[in-house]
């Protein structure tokens, strides 16, 4: 099984973020967002970008060795977000 370093995983997430921005799906400098890089053995690297308590943009990473991903609920959104997105 292939093994990658933490730095390589982070680079992959940043490249994916750049791709989303180029496709117009994300405004990386303005939007709050989370990206999950799932790996084998239920491992995952999770990047969150959001404003902190001081109103400054903050990037944080979470590394987990036990992540379970449920199937997407089709045609369903949370009622706490704007529906026109």
N, C-alpha and C. Protein backbone atom coordinates (compact mmCIF):
# COMPACT_ATOMS: atom_id res chain seq x y z
N UNK A 1 0.85 -1.17 0.00
CA UNK A 1 0.00 0.00 0.00
C UNK A 1 0.90 1.24 0.00
N UNK A 2 0.53 2.22 -0.79
CA UNK A 2 1.29 3.47 -0.90
C UNK A 2 1.13 4.29 0.38
N UNK A 3 2.20 4.96 0.77
CA UNK A 3 2.20 5.82 1.95
C UNK A 3 2.61 7.23 1.52
N UNK A 4 1.92 8.25 2.05
CA UNK A 4 2.29 9.64 1.74
C UNK A 4 2.57 10.38 3.04
N UNK A 5 3.33 11.45 2.93
CA UNK A 5 3.66 12.25 4.11
C UNK A 5 2.54 13.25 4.39
N UNK A 6 2.55 13.80 5.58
CA UNK A 6 1.61 14.85 5.97
C UNK A 6 1.72 16.02 4.99
N UNK A 7 2.95 16.43 4.67
CA UNK A 7 3.15 17.55 3.75
C UNK A 7 2.55 17.28 2.37
N UNK A 8 2.70 16.07 1.88
CA UNK A 8 2.12 15.71 0.59
C UNK A 8 0.60 15.77 0.64
N UNK A 9 0.01 15.30 1.73
CA UNK A 9 -1.44 15.36 1.88
C UNK A 9 -1.92 16.81 1.88
N UNK A 10 -1.21 17.67 2.59
CA UNK A 10 -1.58 19.09 2.64
C UNK A 10 -1.47 19.72 1.26
N UNK A 11 -0.40 19.40 0.52
CA UNK A 11 -0.24 19.92 -0.84
C UNK A 11 -1.40 19.48 -1.74
N UNK A 12 -1.83 18.24 -1.61
CA UNK A 12 -2.96 17.75 -2.40
C UNK A 12 -4.23 18.54 -2.08
N UNK A 13 -4.44 18.84 -0.81
CA UNK A 13 -5.63 19.61 -0.43
C UNK A 13 -5.55 21.02 -1.00
N UNK A 14 -4.39 21.66 -0.93
CA UNK A 14 -4.26 23.01 -1.48
C UNK A 14 -4.46 23.01 -3.00
N UNK A 15 -3.94 22.01 -3.69
CA UNK A 15 -4.14 21.92 -5.15
C UNK A 15 -5.63 21.73 -5.47
N UNK A 16 -6.30 20.94 -4.67
CA UNK A 16 -7.74 20.73 -4.87
C UNK A 16 -8.50 22.03 -4.63
N UNK A 17 -8.10 22.77 -3.61
CA UNK A 17 -8.71 24.08 -3.32
C UNK A 17 -8.52 25.02 -4.50
N UNK A 18 -7.32 25.06 -5.05
CA UNK A 18 -7.04 25.90 -6.22
C UNK A 18 -7.93 25.51 -7.40
N UNK A 19 -8.09 24.21 -7.61
CA UNK A 19 -8.94 23.73 -8.71
C UNK A 19 -10.40 24.16 -8.51
N UNK A 20 -10.90 24.04 -7.30
CA UNK A 20 -12.27 24.47 -7.01
C UNK A 20 -12.44 25.97 -7.27
N UNK A 21 -11.43 26.74 -6.91
CA UNK A 21 -11.48 28.19 -7.13
C UNK A 21 -11.47 28.51 -8.63
N UNK A 22 -10.62 27.83 -9.39
CA UNK A 22 -10.56 28.06 -10.83
C UNK A 22 -11.86 27.68 -11.53
N UNK A 23 -12.54 26.67 -10.99
CA UNK A 23 -13.83 26.24 -11.55
C UNK A 23 -14.99 27.12 -11.10
N UNK A 24 -14.70 28.10 -10.24
CA UNK A 24 -15.74 29.01 -9.77
C UNK A 24 -16.64 28.41 -8.70
N UNK A 25 -16.25 27.30 -8.12
CA UNK A 25 -17.06 26.66 -7.09
C UNK A 25 -16.75 27.18 -5.70
N UNK A 26 -15.68 27.96 -5.59
CA UNK A 26 -15.20 28.38 -4.28
C UNK A 26 -14.47 29.70 -4.41
N UNK A 27 -14.71 30.61 -3.50
CA UNK A 27 -13.90 31.83 -3.39
C UNK A 27 -13.01 31.64 -2.16
N UNK A 28 -11.82 31.11 -2.40
CA UNK A 28 -10.95 30.67 -1.31
C UNK A 28 -10.60 31.78 -0.33
N UNK A 29 -10.56 33.02 -0.79
CA UNK A 29 -10.19 34.13 0.10
C UNK A 29 -11.39 34.67 0.89
N UNK A 30 -12.61 34.26 0.53
CA UNK A 30 -13.81 34.79 1.18
C UNK A 30 -14.67 33.72 1.86
N UNK A 31 -14.81 32.58 1.22
CA UNK A 31 -15.74 31.55 1.72
C UNK A 31 -15.19 30.82 2.95
N UNK A 32 -16.10 30.40 3.80
CA UNK A 32 -15.79 29.44 4.85
C UNK A 32 -16.05 28.06 4.26
N UNK A 33 -15.10 27.14 4.41
CA UNK A 33 -15.28 25.83 3.79
C UNK A 33 -14.45 24.76 4.49
N UNK A 34 -14.79 23.52 4.21
CA UNK A 34 -14.09 22.36 4.75
C UNK A 34 -13.81 21.40 3.59
N UNK A 35 -12.60 20.87 3.56
CA UNK A 35 -12.24 19.86 2.55
C UNK A 35 -11.72 18.64 3.30
N UNK A 36 -12.21 17.48 2.91
CA UNK A 36 -11.81 16.22 3.53
C UNK A 36 -11.05 15.39 2.49
N UNK A 37 -9.85 14.97 2.85
CA UNK A 37 -9.07 14.05 2.02
C UNK A 37 -9.14 12.67 2.68
N UNK A 38 -10.02 11.79 2.18
CA UNK A 38 -10.12 10.46 2.78
C UNK A 38 -9.00 9.55 2.27
N UNK A 39 -8.49 8.73 3.16
CA UNK A 39 -7.43 7.78 2.83
C UNK A 39 -7.89 6.37 3.21
N UNK A 40 -7.06 5.39 2.95
CA UNK A 40 -7.37 4.02 3.35
C UNK A 40 -7.32 3.90 4.87
N UNK A 41 -7.84 2.79 5.36
CA UNK A 41 -7.87 2.47 6.80
C UNK A 41 -8.62 3.53 7.61
N UNK A 42 -9.59 4.16 6.97
CA UNK A 42 -10.44 5.18 7.60
C UNK A 42 -9.68 6.43 8.03
N UNK A 43 -8.49 6.63 7.52
CA UNK A 43 -7.73 7.83 7.84
C UNK A 43 -8.25 9.00 7.00
N UNK A 44 -8.06 10.21 7.52
CA UNK A 44 -8.47 11.40 6.77
C UNK A 44 -7.70 12.62 7.25
N UNK A 45 -7.51 13.55 6.33
CA UNK A 45 -6.98 14.87 6.64
C UNK A 45 -8.11 15.84 6.33
N UNK A 46 -8.43 16.70 7.29
CA UNK A 46 -9.55 17.62 7.15
C UNK A 46 -9.03 19.05 7.29
N UNK A 47 -9.31 19.87 6.28
CA UNK A 47 -8.91 21.28 6.32
C UNK A 47 -10.17 22.12 6.49
N UNK A 48 -10.12 23.06 7.42
CA UNK A 48 -11.22 24.00 7.62
C UNK A 48 -10.68 25.41 7.46
N UNK A 49 -11.42 26.23 6.73
CA UNK A 49 -11.08 27.64 6.56
C UNK A 49 -12.29 28.45 7.00
N UNK A 50 -12.08 29.31 8.00
CA UNK A 50 -13.18 30.11 8.54
C UNK A 50 -12.61 31.26 9.35
N UNK A 51 -13.47 32.19 9.70
CA UNK A 51 -13.05 33.30 10.56
C UNK A 51 -12.94 32.80 11.99
N UNK A 52 -11.90 33.27 12.70
CA UNK A 52 -11.78 32.92 14.11
C UNK A 52 -12.56 33.93 14.95
N UNK A 53 -12.42 33.87 16.26
CA UNK A 53 -13.16 34.77 17.15
C UNK A 53 -12.80 36.23 16.95
N UNK A 54 -11.61 36.50 16.42
CA UNK A 54 -11.18 37.88 16.16
C UNK A 54 -11.58 38.37 14.78
N UNK A 55 -12.28 37.53 14.02
CA UNK A 55 -12.71 37.91 12.68
C UNK A 55 -11.65 37.72 11.62
N UNK A 56 -10.53 37.11 11.97
CA UNK A 56 -9.46 36.86 11.00
C UNK A 56 -9.63 35.46 10.40
N UNK A 57 -9.28 35.34 9.12
CA UNK A 57 -9.37 34.03 8.45
C UNK A 57 -8.32 33.09 9.03
N UNK A 58 -8.74 31.89 9.26
CA UNK A 58 -7.85 30.91 9.86
C UNK A 58 -7.98 29.58 9.12
N UNK A 59 -6.85 28.95 8.87
CA UNK A 59 -6.82 27.62 8.25
C UNK A 59 -6.40 26.64 9.34
N UNK A 60 -7.18 25.59 9.52
CA UNK A 60 -6.82 24.57 10.50
C UNK A 60 -6.91 23.19 9.86
N UNK A 61 -6.08 22.29 10.34
CA UNK A 61 -6.04 20.92 9.84
C UNK A 61 -6.30 19.96 10.98
N UNK A 62 -7.03 18.91 10.68
CA UNK A 62 -7.30 17.85 11.64
C UNK A 62 -6.91 16.54 10.98
N UNK A 63 -6.15 15.73 11.69
CA UNK A 63 -5.74 14.42 11.18
C UNK A 63 -6.47 13.38 12.02
N UNK A 64 -7.09 12.42 11.36
CA UNK A 64 -7.83 11.40 12.09
C UNK A 64 -7.52 10.02 11.54
N UNK A 65 -7.48 9.05 12.43
CA UNK A 65 -7.24 7.67 11.98
C UNK A 65 -8.51 6.83 12.04
N UNK A 66 -9.66 7.49 12.25
CA UNK A 66 -10.91 6.73 12.30
C UNK A 66 -12.08 7.62 11.88
N UNK A 67 -12.24 7.79 10.57
CA UNK A 67 -13.31 8.63 10.02
C UNK A 67 -14.29 7.73 9.26
N UNK A 68 -15.55 7.92 9.53
CA UNK A 68 -16.60 7.21 8.79
C UNK A 68 -17.36 8.24 7.98
N UNK A 69 -17.54 7.98 6.70
CA UNK A 69 -18.24 8.90 5.81
C UNK A 69 -19.56 8.26 5.40
N UNK A 70 -20.63 8.95 5.72
CA UNK A 70 -21.96 8.44 5.34
C UNK A 70 -22.23 8.78 3.88
N UNK A 71 -23.20 8.12 3.30
CA UNK A 71 -23.63 8.45 1.94
C UNK A 71 -24.30 9.82 1.94
N UNK A 72 -24.12 10.54 0.86
CA UNK A 72 -24.75 11.85 0.72
C UNK A 72 -26.26 11.67 0.66
N UNK A 73 -26.97 12.55 1.34
CA UNK A 73 -28.44 12.54 1.29
C UNK A 73 -28.85 13.34 0.06
N UNK A 74 -29.35 12.67 -0.94
CA UNK A 74 -29.73 13.32 -2.20
C UNK A 74 -30.91 14.26 -1.99
N UNK A 75 -30.88 15.39 -2.70
CA UNK A 75 -31.98 16.36 -2.68
C UNK A 75 -32.33 16.84 -1.27
N UNK A 76 -31.33 16.93 -0.39
CA UNK A 76 -31.56 17.33 0.99
C UNK A 76 -30.49 18.32 1.42
N UNK A 77 -30.91 19.41 2.06
CA UNK A 77 -29.98 20.41 2.60
C UNK A 77 -30.36 20.70 4.04
N UNK A 78 -29.43 21.27 4.79
CA UNK A 78 -29.74 21.73 6.14
C UNK A 78 -30.52 23.03 6.07
N UNK A 79 -31.48 23.18 6.93
CA UNK A 79 -32.32 24.38 6.89
C UNK A 79 -31.67 25.59 7.55
N UNK A 80 -30.42 25.47 8.01
CA UNK A 80 -29.75 26.61 8.64
C UNK A 80 -28.92 27.43 7.65
N UNK A 81 -28.80 26.94 6.41
CA UNK A 81 -28.03 27.64 5.39
C UNK A 81 -28.96 28.24 4.34
N UNK A 82 -28.44 29.23 3.62
CA UNK A 82 -29.22 29.83 2.54
C UNK A 82 -29.51 28.77 1.48
N UNK A 83 -30.73 28.72 1.02
CA UNK A 83 -31.09 27.69 0.04
C UNK A 83 -30.66 28.04 -1.38
N UNK A 84 -30.30 29.29 -1.64
CA UNK A 84 -29.98 29.68 -3.02
C UNK A 84 -28.53 29.43 -3.38
N UNK A 85 -27.75 28.78 -2.55
CA UNK A 85 -26.34 28.52 -2.88
C UNK A 85 -26.20 27.35 -3.79
